[in-house]
C-alpha atoms as a PDB file:
ATOM      1  CA  MET A   1       9.330  17.304   3.633  1.00  0.00           C
ATOM      2  CA  GLU A   2      10.773  14.162   2.715  1.00  0.00           C
ATOM      3  CA  PHE A   3      10.113  12.755  -0.197  1.00  0.00           C
ATOM      4  CA  LYS A   4       7.665   9.445   1.613  1.00  0.00           C
ATOM      5  CA  GLN A   5       5.855  12.738   2.305  1.00  0.00           C
ATOM      6  CA  HIS A   6       5.651  13.848  -0.662  1.00  0.00           C
ATOM      7  CA  VAL A   7       4.390  11.489  -2.167  1.00  0.00           C
ATOM      8  CA  ASP A   8       2.190  11.146  -0.149  1.00  0.00           C
ATOM      9  CA  SER A   9       0.835  14.958  -0.329  1.00  0.00           C
ATOM     10  CA  ALA A  10       0.100  13.948  -3.942  1.00  0.00           C
ATOM     11  CA  LEU A  11      -1.852  10.826  -3.524  1.00  0.00           C
ATOM     12  CA  THR A  12      -4.220  12.458  -0.653  1.00  0.00           C
ATOM     13  CA  THR A  13      -4.644  15.756  -3.119  1.00  0.00           C
ATOM     14  CA  PHE A  14      -5.662  12.918  -5.291  1.00  0.00           C
ATOM     15  CA  VAL A  15      -8.656  12.145  -3.289  1.00  0.00           C
ATOM     16  CA  ASP A  16      -9.351  15.929  -2.520  1.00  0.00           C
ATOM     17  CA  ASN A  17      -9.490  16.378  -6.031  1.00  0.00           C
ATOM     18  CA  THR A  18     -12.008  13.059  -6.508  1.00  0.00           C
ATOM     19  CA  ARG A  19     -14.311  14.688  -3.753  1.00  0.00           C
ATOM     20  CA  PHE A  20     -14.793  18.049  -4.506  1.00  0.00           C
ATOM     21  CA  PHE A  21     -15.200  16.813  -8.977  1.00  0.00           C
ATOM     22  CA  ARG A  22     -18.024  15.012  -8.428  1.00  0.00           C
ATOM     23  CA  GLU A  23     -19.634  17.783  -5.831  1.00  0.00           C
ATOM     24  CA  ILE A  24     -19.481  20.015  -9.402  1.00  0.00           C
ATOM     25  CA  ALA A  25     -20.374  16.632 -11.792  1.00  0.00           C
ATOM     26  CA  GLU A  26     -23.904  16.225  -8.763  1.00  0.00           C
ATOM     27  CA  PHE A  27     -24.645  19.850  -8.877  1.00  0.00           C
ATOM     28  CA  VAL A  28     -24.269  20.433 -12.420  1.00  0.00           C
ATOM     29  CA  SER A  29     -25.786  16.682 -13.322  1.00  0.00           C
ATOM     30  CA  ASP A  30     -28.818  18.524 -14.037  1.00  0.00           C
ATOM     31  CA  PHE A  31     -27.694  20.619 -16.944  1.00  0.00           C
ATOM     32  CA  SER A  32     -26.183  18.060 -18.922  1.00  0.00           C
ATOM     33  CA  ASP A  33     -25.414  15.463 -21.286  1.00  0.00           C
ATOM     34  CA  GLY A  34     -23.599  13.340 -19.489  1.00  0.00           C
ATOM     35  CA  GLN A  35     -19.958  15.233 -20.712  1.00  0.00           C
ATOM     36  CA  ILE A  36     -19.161  15.853 -17.275  1.00  0.00           C
ATOM     37  CA  GLN A  37     -20.305  12.075 -15.448  1.00  0.00           C
ATOM     38  CA  GLN A  38     -17.597  11.266 -19.212  1.00  0.00           C
ATOM     39  CA  LEU A  39     -14.553  13.349 -17.745  1.00  0.00           C
ATOM     40  CA  LEU A  40     -15.239  12.544 -13.860  1.00  0.00           C
ATOM     41  CA  GLU A  41     -14.949   9.176 -15.154  1.00  0.00           C
ATOM     42  CA  GLU A  42     -11.760   9.943 -17.356  1.00  0.00           C
ATOM     43  CA  SER A  43     -10.175  12.006 -14.517  1.00  0.00           C
ATOM     44  CA  ALA A  44     -10.662   9.496 -11.682  1.00  0.00           C
ATOM     45  CA  ARG A  45      -9.073   6.639 -13.706  1.00  0.00           C
ATOM     46  CA  LEU A  46      -5.784   9.244 -14.526  1.00  0.00           C
ATOM     47  CA  ARG A  47      -5.335   9.503 -10.925  1.00  0.00           C
ATOM     48  CA  VAL A  48      -5.379   6.049 -10.336  1.00  0.00           C
ATOM     49  CA  GLU A  49      -2.673   5.712 -13.876  1.00  0.00           C
ATOM     50  CA  HIS A  50      -0.878   8.681 -11.638  1.00  0.00           C
ATOM     51  CA  ALA A  51      -1.044   7.174  -8.279  1.00  0.00           C
ATOM     52  CA  GLU A  52       0.250   3.755  -9.587  1.00  0.00           C
ATOM     53  CA  ASN A  53       3.659   5.485 -10.920  1.00  0.00           C
ATOM     54  CA  LEU A  54       3.371   7.474  -8.447  1.00  0.00           C
ATOM     55  CA  ILE A  55       3.624   4.702  -5.409  1.00  0.00           C
ATOM     56  CA  ARG A  56       5.963   2.507  -7.899  1.00  0.00           C
ATOM     57  CA  VAL A  57       8.599   5.008  -7.182  1.00  0.00           C
ATOM     58  CA  LYS A  58       8.241   5.853  -3.858  1.00  0.00           C
ATOM     59  CA  SER A  59       8.777   1.708  -3.495  1.00  0.00           C
ATOM     60  CA  LYS A  60      11.105   1.753  -5.061  1.00  0.00           C
ATOM     61  CA  HIS A  61      12.711   5.065  -3.559  1.00  0.00           C
ATOM     62  CA  GLN A  62      11.944   3.444  -0.077  1.00  0.00           C
ATOM     63  CA  SER A  63      13.850   0.220  -1.055  1.00  0.00           C
ATOM     64  CA  LEU A  64      17.270   1.926  -2.006  1.00  0.00           C
ATOM     65  CA  SER A  65      16.795   4.339   1.412  1.00  0.00           C
ATOM     66  CA  GLN A  66      16.607   0.999   3.364  1.00  0.00           C
ATOM     67  CA  VAL A  67      19.772  -0.186   1.142  1.00  0.00           C
ATOM     68  CA  MET A  68      21.677   2.136   1.572  1.00  0.00           C
ATOM     69  CA  GLN A  69      21.434   2.053   5.662  1.00  0.00           C
ATOM     70  CA  GLN A  70      22.792  -1.682   5.304  1.00  0.00           C
ATOM     71  CA  VAL A  71      25.550  -0.497   3.140  1.00  0.00           C
ATOM     72  CA  GLN A  72      26.364   2.076   5.666  1.00  0.00           C
ATOM     73  CA  ASN A  73      26.500   0.154   8.285  1.00  0.00           C
ATOM     74  CA  SER A  74      28.523  -3.298   6.393  1.00  0.00           C
ATOM     75  CA  SER A  75      30.945  -0.603   5.255  1.00  0.00           C
ATOM     76  CA  SER A  76      33.419   0.251   7.033  1.00  0.00           C
ATOM     77  CA  THR A  77      35.583   3.019   4.226  1.00  0.00           C
ATOM     78  CA  ILE A  78      34.063   5.165   2.094  1.00  0.00           C
ATOM     79  CA  GLU A  79      35.860   2.679  -0.756  1.00  0.00           C
ATOM     80  CA  GLU A  80      33.913  -0.303   0.462  1.00  0.00           C
ATOM     81  CA  LEU A  81      31.336   1.850   0.516  1.00  0.00           C
ATOM     82  CA  GLU A  82      31.006   3.412  -2.892  1.00  0.00           C
ATOM     83  CA  GLU A  83      31.742  -0.460  -4.241  1.00  0.00           C
ATOM     84  CA  ASN A  84      29.039  -2.345  -1.995  1.00  0.00           C
ATOM     85  CA  TRP A  85      25.980   0.474  -2.934  1.00  0.00           C
ATOM     86  CA  LYS A  86      27.392   0.223  -6.969  1.00  0.00           C
ATOM     87  CA  LYS A  87      26.707  -3.304  -6.459  1.00  0.00           C
ATOM     88  CA  ARG A  88      23.585  -3.430  -4.065  1.00  0.00           C
ATOM     89  CA  SER A  89      21.820  -0.348  -6.297  1.00  0.00           C
ATOM     90  CA  LYS A  90      22.286  -2.426  -9.414  1.00  0.00           C
ATOM     91  CA  ALA A  91      20.356  -4.713  -8.499  1.00  0.00           C
ATOM     92  CA  GLU A  92      18.110  -3.376  -6.453  1.00  0.00           C
ATOM     93  CA  GLU A  93      16.823  -1.172  -9.719  1.00  0.00           C
ATOM     94  CA  GLN A  94      16.650  -4.401 -11.108  1.00  0.00           C
ATOM     95  CA  LYS A  95      14.020  -5.389  -9.491  1.00  0.00           C
ATOM     96  CA  ARG A  96      10.197  -5.149 -11.034  1.00  0.00           C
ATOM     97  CA  ILE A  97       7.343  -4.269  -8.265  1.00  0.00           C
ATOM     98  CA  ASN A  98       4.169  -4.576  -8.915  1.00  0.00           C
ATOM     99  CA  VAL A  99       1.542  -2.057  -7.901  1.00  0.00           C
ATOM    100  CA  LYS A 100      -1.379  -3.391  -8.490  1.00  0.00           C
ATOM    101  CA  ASN A 101      -0.604  -6.276  -5.915  1.00  0.00           C
ATOM    102  CA  ILE A 102       1.015  -3.090  -3.463  1.00  0.00           C
ATOM    103  CA  ALA A 103      -1.598  -2.741  -0.137  1.00  0.00           C
ATOM    104  CA  GLU A 104      -1.162   0.655  -0.374  1.00  0.00           C
ATOM    105  CA  PHE A 105      -2.101   1.806  -4.113  1.00  0.00           C
ATOM    106  CA  LYS A 106      -5.268  -1.086  -3.323  1.00  0.00           C
ATOM    107  CA  ASN A 107      -6.623   1.174  -1.062  1.00  0.00           C
ATOM    108  CA  PHE A 108      -5.878   4.421  -2.761  1.00  0.00           C
ATOM    109  CA  LYS A 109      -7.295   2.840  -5.984  1.00  0.00           C
ATOM    110  CA  LYS A 110     -10.200   1.605  -2.620  1.00  0.00           C
ATOM    111  CA  THR A 111     -10.108   5.252  -1.733  1.00  0.00           C
ATOM    112  CA  VAL A 112     -10.519   6.759  -4.909  1.00  0.00           C
ATOM    113  CA  GLU A 113     -13.507   4.364  -5.832  1.00  0.00           C
ATOM    114  CA  SER A 114     -15.495   5.599  -2.630  1.00  0.00           C
ATOM    115  CA  ALA A 115     -14.655   9.076  -3.518  1.00  0.00           C
ATOM    116  CA  ALA A 116     -15.787   9.113  -7.396  1.00  0.00           C
ATOM    117  CA  GLY A 117     -19.171   7.489  -6.030  1.00  0.00           C
ATOM    118  CA  HIS A 118     -20.409   5.822  -8.988  1.00  0.00           C
ATOM    119  CA  VAL A 119     -17.462   6.413 -10.789  1.00  0.00           C
ATOM    120  CA  GLY A 120     -16.245   3.545  -9.542  1.00  0.00           C
ATOM    121  CA  ALA A 121     -16.612   0.290 -11.291  1.00  0.00           C
ATOM    122  CA  GLU A 122     -14.829   2.446 -14.370  1.00  0.00           C
ATOM    123  CA  VAL A 123     -12.008   2.791 -12.038  1.00  0.00           C
ATOM    124  CA  ASN A 124     -11.596  -1.200 -10.903  1.00  0.00           C
ATOM    125  CA  SER A 125     -12.024  -2.366 -15.346  1.00  0.00           C
ATOM    126  CA  GLN A 126      -9.494  -0.091 -16.303  1.00  0.00           C
ATOM    127  CA  ALA A 127      -6.909   0.253 -13.780  1.00  0.00           C
ATOM    128  CA  ASN A 128      -6.267  -3.041 -12.039  1.00  0.00           C
ATOM    129  CA  GLY A 129      -7.894  -5.515 -14.415  1.00  0.00           C
ATOM    130  CA  ALA A 130      -8.137  -8.821 -12.829  1.00  0.00           C
ATOM    131  CA  ALA A 131      -6.155  -7.481 -10.187  1.00  0.00           C
ATOM    132  CA  GLN A 132      -7.623  -9.191  -6.620  1.00  0.00           C
ATOM    133  CA  ASP A 133      -8.130  -7.694  -3.424  1.00  0.00           C
ATOM    134  CA  GLU A 134      -8.188 -10.199  -1.214  1.00  0.00           C
ATOM    135  CA  ASP A 135      -5.495  -8.957   1.029  1.00  0.00           C
ATOM    136  CA  LEU A 136      -8.406  -6.512   2.238  1.00  0.00           C
ATOM    137  CA  ILE A 137     -10.566  -7.069   4.687  1.00  0.00           C
ATOM    138  CA  ILE A 138     -13.170  -4.589   5.980  1.00  0.00           C
ATOM    139  CA  GLU A 139     -13.800  -4.554   9.764  1.00  0.00           C
ATOM    140  CA  GLY A 140     -16.952  -3.893  11.232  1.00  0.00           C
ATOM    141  CA  ILE A 141     -18.414  -0.550  11.819  1.00  0.00           C
ATOM    142  CA  GLU A 142     -18.215  -1.327  16.076  1.00  0.00           C
ATOM    143  CA  GLU A 143     -14.657  -1.873  15.690  1.00  0.00           C
ATOM    144  CA  THR A 144     -13.237   0.550  12.877  1.00  0.00           C
ATOM    145  CA  GLY A 145     -16.285   2.508  11.566  1.00  0.00           C
ATOM    146  CA  GLY A 146     -15.797   0.161   9.020  1.00  0.00           C
ATOM    147  CA  GLY A 147     -12.709   0.790   7.840  1.00  0.00           C
ATOM    148  CA  ILE A 148     -10.163  -1.387   5.064  1.00  0.00           C
ATOM    149  CA  PHE A 149      -7.180  -2.781   6.091  1.00  0.00           C
ATOM    150  CA  SER A 150      -4.149  -4.986   4.511  1.00  0.00           C
ATOM    151  CA  LEU A 151      -3.368  -7.987   5.561  1.00  0.00           C
ATOM    152  CA  TYR A 152       0.341  -7.199   4.196  1.00  0.00           C
ATOM    153  CA  ASP A 153       2.944  -4.389   5.346  1.00  0.00           C
ATOM    154  CA  PRO A 154       2.356  -1.028   4.744  1.00  0.00           C
ATOM    155  CA  TRP A 155       6.433  -0.657   4.802  1.00  0.00           C
ATOM    156  CA  SER A 156       7.606  -4.175   3.859  1.00  0.00           C
ATOM    157  CA  LYS A 157       4.284  -4.942   1.611  1.00  0.00           C
ATOM    158  CA  ALA A 158       4.816  -8.253   2.993  1.00  0.00           C
ATOM    159  CA  LEU A 159       2.226 -11.058   4.994  1.00  0.00           C
ATOM    160  CA  MET A 160       2.522  -9.231   8.057  1.00  0.00           C
ATOM    161  CA  LYS A 161       4.089 -12.268  10.742  1.00  0.00           C
ATOM    162  CA  ASN A 162       3.316 -10.260  14.164  1.00  0.00           C
ATOM    163  CA  PRO A 163       0.004  -8.192  13.853  1.00  0.00           C
ATOM    164  CA  VAL A 164       0.320  -4.868  16.133  1.00  0.00           C
ATOM    165  CA  ARG A 165      -2.720  -2.096  16.029  1.00  0.00           C
ATOM    166  CA  ASN A 166      -1.454   2.114  16.102  1.00  0.00           C
ATOM    167  CA  GLU A 167      -3.388   2.570  19.215  1.00  0.00           C
ATOM    168  CA  LYS A 168      -3.463   6.003  17.820  1.00  0.00           C
ATOM    169  CA  CYS A 169      -5.148   5.950  14.125  1.00  0.00           C
ATOM    170  CA  GLY A 170      -5.678   2.171  14.328  1.00  0.00           C
ATOM    171  CA  HIS A 171      -4.000   1.281  11.923  1.00  0.00           C
ATOM    172  CA  ILE A 172      -2.189  -2.704  11.864  1.00  0.00           C
ATOM    173  CA  TYR A 173       1.225  -2.880  11.017  1.00  0.00           C
ATOM    174  CA  ASP A 174       4.245  -5.846  10.843  1.00  0.00           C
ATOM    175  CA  ARG A 175       5.697  -5.847  14.082  1.00  0.00           C
ATOM    176  CA  ASP A 176       9.239  -6.839  13.068  1.00  0.00           C
ATOM    177  CA  SER A 177       9.317  -4.477  10.375  1.00  0.00           C
ATOM    178  CA  VAL A 178       8.088  -1.203  12.046  1.00  0.00           C
ATOM    179  CA  MET A 179       9.943  -1.784  15.036  1.00  0.00           C
ATOM    180  CA  LEU A 180      13.035  -1.640  12.389  1.00  0.00           C
ATOM    181  CA  ILE A 181      11.539   1.266  10.936  1.00  0.00           C
ATOM    182  CA  ILE A 182      11.846   3.658  14.070  1.00  0.00           C
ATOM    183  CA  LYS A 183      14.535   2.593  15.541  1.00  0.00           C
ATOM    184  CA  ASP A 184      16.352   5.375  15.034  1.00  0.00           C
ATOM    185  CA  ASN A 185      13.491   7.261  13.923  1.00  0.00           C
ATOM    186  CA  ILE A 186      11.490   9.224  15.932  1.00  0.00           C
ATOM    187  CA  GLY A 187      10.138  11.093  13.492  1.00  0.00           C
ATOM    188  CA  ILE A 188       8.342   8.242  12.205  1.00  0.00           C
ATOM    189  CA  ARG A 189       4.273   8.925  11.437  1.00  0.00           C
ATOM    190  CA  CYS A 190       1.696   6.138   9.754  1.00  0.00           C
ATOM    191  CA  PRO A 191       2.383   5.505   6.533  1.00  0.00           C
ATOM    192  CA  VAL A 192      -1.551   4.196   5.267  1.00  0.00           C
ATOM    193  CA  LEU A 193      -2.343   6.497   2.804  1.00  0.00           C
ATOM    194  CA  GLY A 194      -5.284   9.196   3.877  1.00  0.00           C
ATOM    195  CA  CYS A 195      -4.035   8.380   7.988  1.00  0.00           C
ATOM    196  CA  GLY A 196      -5.037  12.248  10.530  1.00  0.00           C
ATOM    197  CA  ASN A 197      -3.025  10.876  12.512  1.00  0.00           C
ATOM    198  CA  THR A 198      -0.255  13.186  12.887  1.00  0.00           C
ATOM    199  CA  THR A 199       1.800  11.574  15.978  1.00  0.00           C
ATOM    200  CA  TYR A 200       5.187   9.789  15.268  1.00  0.00           C
ATOM    201  CA  ILE A 201       4.673   6.087  15.871  1.00  0.00           C
ATOM    202  CA  GLN A 202       6.438   5.235  19.249  1.00  0.00           C
ATOM    203  CA  PRO A 203       7.191   1.366  20.825  1.00  0.00           C
ATOM    204  CA  ALA A 204       4.343   2.335  23.565  1.00  0.00           C
ATOM    205  CA  HIS A 205       1.538   3.443  21.304  1.00  0.00           C
ATOM    206  CA  LEU A 206       1.513  -0.771  19.441  1.00  0.00           C
ATOM    207  CA  VAL A 207      -0.595  -3.268  20.985  1.00  0.00           C
ATOM    208  CA  GLU A 208      -1.140  -6.900  19.785  1.00  0.00           C
ATOM    209  CA  ASP A 209      -3.984  -7.267  18.014  1.00  0.00           C
ATOM    210  CA  ALA A 210      -4.945 -11.148  18.616  1.00  0.00           C
ATOM    211  CA  LYS A 211      -7.769 -11.497  15.892  1.00  0.00           C
ATOM    212  CA  VAL A 212      -5.927  -9.799  12.743  1.00  0.00           C
ATOM    213  CA  ARG A 213      -3.199 -12.617  13.787  1.00  0.00           C
ATOM    214  CA  GLN A 214      -5.818 -15.517  13.219  1.00  0.00           C
ATOM    215  CA  MET A 215      -6.591 -14.211   9.868  1.00  0.00           C
ATOM    216  CA  VAL A 216      -2.413 -13.766   8.882  1.00  0.00           C
ATOM    217  CA  ILE A 217      -2.886 -17.754  10.759  1.00  0.00           C
ATOM    218  CA  GLN A 218      -5.659 -18.656   7.838  1.00  0.00           C
ATOM    219  CA  ARG A 219      -4.294 -16.631   5.477  1.00  0.00           C
ATOM    220  CA  MET A 220      -0.866 -18.254   5.688  1.00  0.00           C
ATOM    221  CA  ALA A 221      -2.198 -22.109   5.617  1.00  0.00           C
ATOM    222  CA  GLU A 222      -4.327 -20.450   2.185  1.00  0.00           C
ATOM    223  CA  GLU A 223      -1.147 -20.068   0.687  1.00  0.00           C
ATOM    224  CA  ILE A 224       0.635 -23.300   1.745  1.00  0.00           C
ATOM    225  CA  GLU A 225      -2.364 -25.105   0.310  1.00  0.00           C
ATOM    226  CA  ASP A 226      -2.514 -23.613  -2.584  1.00  0.00           C
ATOM    227  CA  SER A 227       1.587 -23.531  -3.090  1.00  0.00           C
ATOM    228  CA  THR A 228       1.415 -27.428  -2.385  1.00  0.00           C
ATOM    229  CA  ALA A 229      -1.808 -27.692  -5.193  1.00  0.00           C
ATOM    230  CA  SER A 230       0.423 -25.999  -8.044  1.00  0.00           C
ATOM    231  CA  GLU A 231       3.391 -28.392  -6.651  1.00  0.00           C
ATOM    232  CA  ASP A 232       1.205 -31.262  -7.203  1.00  0.00           C
ATOM    233  CA  ASP A 233      -0.460 -30.076 -10.736  1.00  0.00           C
ATOM    234  CA  GLU A 234       3.220 -29.546 -12.172  1.00  0.00           C
ATOM    235  CA  GLU A 235       4.414 -33.060  -9.902  1.00  0.00           C
ATOM    236  CA  GLN A 236       0.866 -34.900 -12.018  1.00  0.00           C
ATOM    237  CA  ALA A 237       1.168 -32.888 -15.496  1.00  0.00           C
ATOM    238  CA  ASP A 238       5.435 -33.890 -15.665  1.00  0.00           C
ATOM    239  CA  GLU A 239       4.230 -37.687 -15.585  1.00  0.00           C
ATOM    240  CA  ASP A 240       0.932 -37.101 -18.477  1.00  0.00           C
END
């Protein structure tokens, strides 16, 4: 099993365990003095913390794998490969990853909150602090059953430019990102946490999503506007 699959399996187990413990808490709620509920809240919080660490390692692993692929493609000798890998991997290791801004972590946290029921507020306040979920979109029931998706690509973690929907499961990726991933690997499944689709992604499964594209355009415009406003504020401060 690939490293990514090990991590995804662990995250799925965290969610399943949260649901199981919630069922136990509800069953014995009439006989406990609140201690069971406290344990449920604490265990849910700890699972979110563990998930944050796992997703950080997974993201770093994916980044290093991409670097290795690039190094292999650009190196003509073993010596050149070793030298390039030493430089590129060191630079990649030094990059910091803010997991709380990664869509996969946000989706996991929301899933655990849902699985834990009213424990969600506790998990949200302790695990994410002031982090915002503005990039998460909740679709209508008539479209996906009320599914949550992100405007950020699950692989690159960047704002999607050309969103496409996987017809097999309904999840959305950036076309350039997913095509790069599946180009030389036919064994890639949907990377979205909790996706039950076991079919390998194929180009024929990917269709353009005009509605999400409009959302992306709107988000890009908002980011440009925010960036311009910040620059104006800095210029004003310098003048003062």
